[in-house]
Protein backbone atom coordinates (compact mmCIF):
# COMPACT_ATOMS: atom_id res chain seq x y z
CA MET A 1 -10.62 3.35 -19.27
CA GLU A 2 -9.06 6.11 -21.86
CA GLU A 3 -6.45 7.52 -19.28
CA ASN A 4 -5.02 5.44 -16.08
CA TYR A 5 -5.76 8.23 -13.75
CA ARG A 6 -8.02 10.83 -12.70
CA VAL A 7 -7.86 13.97 -10.43
CA VAL A 8 -10.86 14.35 -7.83
CA THR A 9 -10.97 17.38 -5.59
CA SER A 10 -14.00 15.98 -3.41
CA VAL A 11 -15.67 12.72 -1.69
CA GLU A 12 -18.46 12.98 -4.11
CA GLU A 13 -16.17 12.97 -6.94
CA PHE A 14 -14.21 9.88 -5.32
CA SER A 15 -17.51 8.11 -5.13
CA ALA A 16 -18.17 8.63 -8.71
CA CYS A 17 -14.74 7.17 -9.73
CA ILE A 18 -15.11 4.51 -7.35
CA GLU A 19 -18.44 3.56 -9.03
CA LYS A 20 -17.40 3.64 -13.00
CA LEU A 21 -14.09 1.63 -11.80
CA ARG A 22 -16.27 -0.91 -10.23
CA ILE A 23 -17.66 -1.83 -13.63
CA ASN A 24 -14.50 -2.98 -15.14
CA ASN A 25 -13.85 -5.04 -11.93
CA ILE A 26 -11.22 -2.35 -10.49
CA ILE A 27 -12.14 -3.62 -7.03
CA TRP A 28 -9.06 -3.44 -4.87
CA PHE A 29 -7.47 -0.44 -3.57
CA ARG A 30 -4.68 1.25 -1.98
CA GLY A 31 -3.85 4.63 -0.50
CA GLN A 32 -0.57 6.32 -0.38
CA SER A 33 0.23 9.86 0.72
CA ASN A 34 2.55 10.81 -1.86
CA SER A 35 1.62 9.95 -5.42
CA GLU A 36 5.25 9.97 -6.85
CA TYR A 37 5.96 6.78 -4.89
CA PRO A 38 6.29 3.08 -6.49
CA ILE A 39 3.76 0.66 -5.72
CA GLU A 40 5.91 -1.62 -4.25
CA PRO A 41 6.62 -3.32 -0.91
CA THR A 42 8.98 -0.94 1.27
CA LEU A 43 11.55 -3.76 1.50
CA PHE A 44 12.13 -3.28 -2.24
CA ARG A 45 12.73 0.76 -1.66
CA LYS A 46 16.17 -0.03 -0.61
CA ARG A 47 18.32 -1.88 -2.67
CA HIS A 48 21.74 -2.38 -4.86
CA VAL A 49 21.62 -3.28 -8.08
CA ILE A 50 24.73 -5.62 -8.99
CA GLY A 51 24.87 -4.01 -12.51
CA ASP A 52 25.73 -0.77 -10.89
CA TYR A 53 28.83 -2.13 -9.35
CA LYS A 54 31.91 -2.54 -11.60
CA GLY A 55 34.34 -5.09 -10.67
CA ILE A 56 31.89 -7.64 -8.94
CA ASP A 57 32.49 -11.38 -10.24
CA ARG A 58 28.83 -11.94 -11.10
CA GLN A 59 29.53 -15.11 -12.49
CA GLN A 60 31.19 -16.38 -8.92
CA TYR A 61 28.04 -15.64 -7.10
CA ASN A 62 25.52 -16.61 -9.81
CA PHE A 63 24.22 -13.35 -10.36
CA LYS A 64 22.49 -11.56 -13.77
CA LYS A 65 23.55 -8.05 -14.35
CA SER A 66 20.02 -6.86 -13.31
CA ASP A 67 19.74 -9.13 -9.51
CA ALA A 68 20.11 -6.74 -6.76
CA ILE A 69 21.35 -6.79 -3.13
CA MET A 70 18.62 -6.10 -0.66
CA LYS A 71 17.09 -6.90 2.86
CA ASN A 72 16.26 -10.72 3.32
CA ASP A 73 12.76 -10.69 4.09
CA LEU A 74 13.27 -14.75 4.40
CA TYR A 75 15.91 -14.29 6.78
CA ALA A 76 13.36 -11.87 8.69
CA LEU A 77 10.86 -14.39 8.70
CA ASP A 78 13.10 -17.20 10.21
CA LEU A 79 13.98 -14.60 13.12
CA PHE A 80 10.26 -13.58 13.70
CA LYS A 81 9.03 -17.53 13.96
CA GLN A 82 11.86 -18.22 16.36
CA LYS A 83 11.04 -15.28 18.57
CA HIS A 84 7.35 -15.53 18.35
CA PHE A 85 7.46 -19.29 19.47
CA ALA A 86 9.93 -18.20 22.23
CA LYS A 87 7.18 -15.99 23.38
CA TYR A 88 4.07 -17.46 22.66
CA ARG A 89 4.77 -20.99 22.25
CA ILE A 90 2.39 -21.29 19.11
CA SER A 91 3.36 -23.87 16.70
CA THR A 92 0.15 -23.85 14.72
CA LEU A 93 0.67 -20.68 12.38
CA ASN A 94 2.14 -21.08 8.64
CA ASP A 95 4.46 -19.16 6.56
CA ILE A 96 2.21 -16.51 5.44
CA ASP A 97 0.40 -16.15 8.42
CA TYR A 98 3.57 -15.35 10.10
CA LEU A 99 4.23 -12.51 7.21
CA TYR A 100 0.92 -11.18 8.00
CA LEU A 101 1.85 -10.85 11.85
CA MET A 102 5.28 -9.26 10.56
CA GLN A 103 3.29 -6.42 8.28
CA HIS A 104 0.91 -5.92 11.26
CA TYR A 105 4.31 -4.87 13.35
CA ASP A 106 5.95 -3.05 10.68
CA ILE A 107 8.42 -5.36 9.58
CA GLN A 108 9.06 -5.33 6.16
CA THR A 109 8.04 -7.93 3.68
CA ARG A 110 7.12 -8.67 0.06
CA LEU A 111 3.53 -8.08 1.22
CA LEU A 112 1.78 -4.86 -0.04
CA ASP A 113 -1.68 -3.96 1.62
CA PHE A 114 -4.76 -3.33 -0.67
CA SER A 115 -8.30 -3.23 0.59
CA THR A 116 -11.59 -4.12 -0.75
CA ASP A 117 -13.13 -0.66 1.01
CA PRO A 118 -12.23 2.42 -1.41
CA PHE A 119 -13.04 4.53 1.80
CA VAL A 120 -10.06 2.95 3.78
CA ALA A 121 -8.04 3.32 0.98
CA LEU A 122 -8.59 7.05 1.10
CA TYR A 123 -8.11 7.27 4.53
CA PHE A 124 -4.79 6.49 4.23
CA SER A 125 -4.45 8.75 1.44
CA THR A 126 -5.62 11.70 3.11
CA GLN A 127 -4.73 11.50 7.00
CA LYS A 128 -1.25 13.02 6.54
CA LYS A 129 -0.99 16.51 5.28
CA LYS A 130 1.64 18.23 3.69
CA ASN A 131 2.01 22.42 3.24
CA GLU A 132 -0.20 23.43 0.94
CA LYS A 133 0.59 25.15 -2.48
CA LYS A 134 -2.52 27.20 -4.65
CA PHE A 135 -4.59 24.97 -5.86
CA GLU A 136 -4.41 26.09 -9.70
CA GLU A 137 -0.55 25.40 -9.02
CA GLU A 138 -0.83 21.72 -7.68
CA ILE A 139 -3.37 20.57 -10.66
CA GLU A 140 -0.96 22.11 -13.06
CA ASN A 141 1.75 20.16 -11.77
CA ILE A 142 0.18 16.94 -11.61
CA TYR A 143 -0.95 17.05 -15.13
CA LYS A 144 2.56 18.06 -15.97
CA GLU A 145 4.19 15.35 -14.16
CA GLU A 146 1.53 13.00 -15.16
CA ALA A 147 0.10 11.88 -11.58
CA ARG A 148 3.66 11.84 -10.11
CA ASN A 149 3.42 14.76 -8.04
CA ASN A 150 4.79 14.31 -4.61
CA ASP A 151 2.45 17.27 -3.38
CA SER A 152 -0.52 14.76 -4.04
CA SER A 153 -1.69 11.61 -2.43
CA THR A 154 -3.24 8.71 -4.50
CA ILE A 155 -5.23 5.70 -4.40
CA PHE A 156 -4.04 2.78 -6.69
CA CYS A 157 -7.09 0.75 -7.90
CA ILE A 158 -6.39 -2.65 -9.26
CA ASN A 159 -8.13 -5.65 -10.74
CA PRO A 160 -7.02 -8.43 -9.25
CA TYR A 161 -8.50 -11.09 -11.44
CA ILE A 162 -6.77 -9.44 -14.42
CA LEU A 163 -3.40 -9.88 -12.29
CA ASN A 164 -3.48 -13.11 -11.49
CA LYS A 165 -4.61 -14.14 -14.91
CA GLN A 166 -1.63 -12.30 -16.13
CA SER A 167 0.99 -13.38 -13.93
CA MET A 168 -0.10 -17.23 -13.66
CA GLY A 169 -3.28 -17.85 -15.83
CA TYR A 170 -5.39 -18.81 -12.49
CA ASP A 171 -8.95 -16.75 -12.78
CA GLY A 172 -9.50 -16.01 -8.99
CA ILE A 173 -7.97 -15.03 -5.93
CA ILE A 174 -4.91 -17.32 -4.16
CA ASN A 175 -6.00 -18.12 -0.84
CA LEU A 176 -3.31 -19.08 1.21
CA LYS A 177 -4.35 -21.91 3.07
CA ASP A 178 -4.42 -23.71 -0.28
CA THR A 179 -1.06 -22.97 -1.52
CA ASN A 180 2.37 -24.24 -0.64
CA PHE A 181 4.44 -21.03 0.41
CA ASN A 182 7.50 -22.53 -1.15
CA ASP A 183 6.03 -22.45 -4.73
CA LEU A 184 4.83 -18.98 -4.31
CA LYS A 185 8.19 -17.80 -3.26
CA GLU A 186 9.32 -19.03 -6.73
CA ILE A 187 6.85 -16.83 -8.60
CA LEU A 188 8.39 -14.01 -10.96
CA HIS A 189 5.18 -11.66 -11.26
CA PRO A 190 3.11 -9.86 -8.22
CA LEU A 191 0.04 -11.87 -7.19
CA ALA A 192 -3.20 -11.01 -5.53
CA ILE A 193 -3.78 -13.26 -2.35
CA GLU A 194 -6.23 -13.43 0.40
CA THR A 195 -6.19 -15.15 3.83
CA ASP A 196 -8.25 -16.75 6.56
CA PHE A 197 -5.98 -15.56 9.08
CA GLU A 198 -8.12 -14.13 11.80
CA ASP A 199 -6.90 -10.42 13.04
CA ASP A 200 -8.88 -7.36 14.07
CA ARG A 201 -6.78 -5.11 11.86
CA ILE A 202 -7.22 -6.92 8.81
CA THR A 203 -10.85 -7.36 9.38
CA ALA A 204 -11.39 -3.77 9.90
CA GLN A 205 -9.39 -2.61 7.02
CA LYS A 206 -10.79 -5.13 4.73
CA SER A 207 -7.40 -6.05 3.86
CA LYS A 208 -6.38 -7.83 0.50
CA PHE A 209 -2.79 -8.16 -0.44
CA ILE A 210 -0.46 -8.71 -3.25
CA PHE A 211 2.67 -10.40 -2.74
CA PHE A 212 5.47 -9.88 -4.71
CA GLY A 213 7.87 -12.75 -6.04
CA ARG A 214 11.31 -13.03 -6.69
CA MET A 215 11.83 -10.05 -8.98
CA TYR A 216 12.09 -6.73 -7.15
CA ASN A 217 10.23 -4.61 -9.34
CA ASP A 218 7.42 -2.21 -8.64
CA TYR A 219 3.81 -3.18 -10.19
CA GLU A 220 3.68 -0.62 -13.01
CA PHE A 221 7.29 -1.90 -14.11
CA TYR A 222 5.20 -5.20 -15.72
CA SER A 223 3.76 -4.32 -19.33
CA ILE A 224 1.39 -7.43 -18.92
CA LEU A 225 -0.28 -5.98 -16.06
CA LYS A 226 -1.35 -2.28 -17.68
CA GLY A 227 -4.65 -3.09 -18.09
CA SER A 228 -4.98 -4.44 -14.25
CA TYR A 229 -4.79 -0.83 -12.45
CA PHE A 230 -5.71 2.85 -12.03
CA ARG A 231 -4.78 5.97 -10.06
CA ILE A 232 -7.09 8.21 -8.49
CA ILE A 233 -5.07 11.36 -7.36
CA ILE A 234 -6.31 13.96 -4.39
CA PRO A 235 -4.32 17.35 -4.52
CA ASN A 236 -3.15 18.03 -1.38
CA SER A 237 -5.14 21.37 -0.65
CA CYS A 238 -8.10 18.94 -0.65
CA ARG A 239 -6.90 16.48 1.59
CA LYS A 240 -7.96 18.12 5.03
CA GLN A 241 -11.71 18.55 3.70
CA ILE A 242 -12.08 14.84 2.31
CA PHE A 243 -10.17 13.67 5.49
CA GLU A 244 -12.62 15.44 7.63
CA HIS A 245 -15.73 14.49 5.78
CA ILE A 246 -15.05 10.75 5.82
CA LYS A 247 -13.32 10.60 9.58
CA LYS A 248 -17.62 11.46 10.25
CA THR A 249 -18.71 8.25 8.24
CA GLY A 250 -16.59 5.63 9.74
CA TYR A 251 -13.28 6.07 8.94
CA ASN A 252 -11.77 7.33 11.70
CA HIS A 253 -8.36 6.54 13.35
CA THR A 254 -9.93 3.85 15.69
CA ASP A 255 -12.22 2.49 12.94
CA ILE A 256 -9.22 2.08 11.01
CA PHE A 257 -6.65 0.72 13.68
CA PRO A 258 -9.33 -1.61 16.11
CA ASP A 259 -6.15 -1.40 18.94
CA PHE A 260 -3.85 1.11 20.65
CA LYS A 261 -2.50 2.31 17.57
CA GLY A 262 -5.95 3.85 16.59
CA ILE A 263 -6.16 5.46 20.12
CA ALA A 264 -2.83 6.70 20.18
CA LEU A 265 -3.66 8.27 16.84
CA GLU A 266 -6.73 10.04 17.77
CA ILE A 267 -4.37 11.40 21.06
CA ASN A 268 -1.92 13.03 18.68
CA GLU A 269 -4.17 14.26 16.53
CA ALA A 270 -6.08 16.08 19.70
CA ILE A 271 -3.06 17.20 20.91
CA GLU A 272 -2.06 18.81 17.42
CA GLU A 273 -5.18 20.18 17.39
CA ASN A 274 -5.03 21.95 20.50
CA TYR A 275 -1.96 23.19 20.53
CA ILE A 276 -2.87 24.75 17.25
CA THR A 277 -5.88 26.23 18.67
CA SER A 278 -3.52 27.85 21.59
CA LEU A 279 -1.09 29.04 19.05
CA LYS A 280 -4.11 30.86 17.22
CA LYS A 281 -5.33 32.55 20.44
CA LEU A 282 -2.26 33.44 21.56
CA THR A 283 -0.81 35.28 18.18
CA ASN A 284 -4.65 37.03 17.78
CA ASP A 285 -4.46 38.34 21.07
């Protein structure tokens, strides 16, 4: 791969791009609605870097200048375990199982969702639509900003084997049933992990995860991981046609979310379409 991103405007172009990536073992995919967003857990997006604050005695608290204060997900984990046990009286889950559950219910963690199915990622990158600009203007802005354009969406594609080889010298994907969570917390770099945890949403979305360790940097910060990822960029003006296409092939809301969230998304979409139809009819009369 000579460049680290490509712009696609149709499902056919997307499929062709994925086939080429798979030759290089780029096999995990994450869809984001804004290509300007860094590839990092939401947990990391709100933080205070210690070096930004004058007058703080870093030595007193054993801080390095690059350290940061951010939301404490391990504190959240302890709270979740307590409340989950109080409600369900289940004590057989391990810490990483609880993290998966927390992720499921939108509690911020160090996990970042990926999928082995590129069309699941395509669903997440195209389901939200922004105000349209002219296609030519969008393309110009995408290339001008080197794929960091907030009007476009992205599918971030990674080689998890290169990731784990570079991060900890491991030739494979880490299964959490064979790993001590306390050891995992001390890892500096991101790691590719998988689980045997049974959950309908994980199964439907063919989920894999990146676990971010003690450092709070986004994925692309690490120069040693440069050869492990690729970006596919989708102009906003192409989202609707792509999303409508994949909905007809088994990637609609209820397929991706096989619970009441999927039903809620379908209903909200139907309400919105009904409203737009009624508004057009009224304004055309």
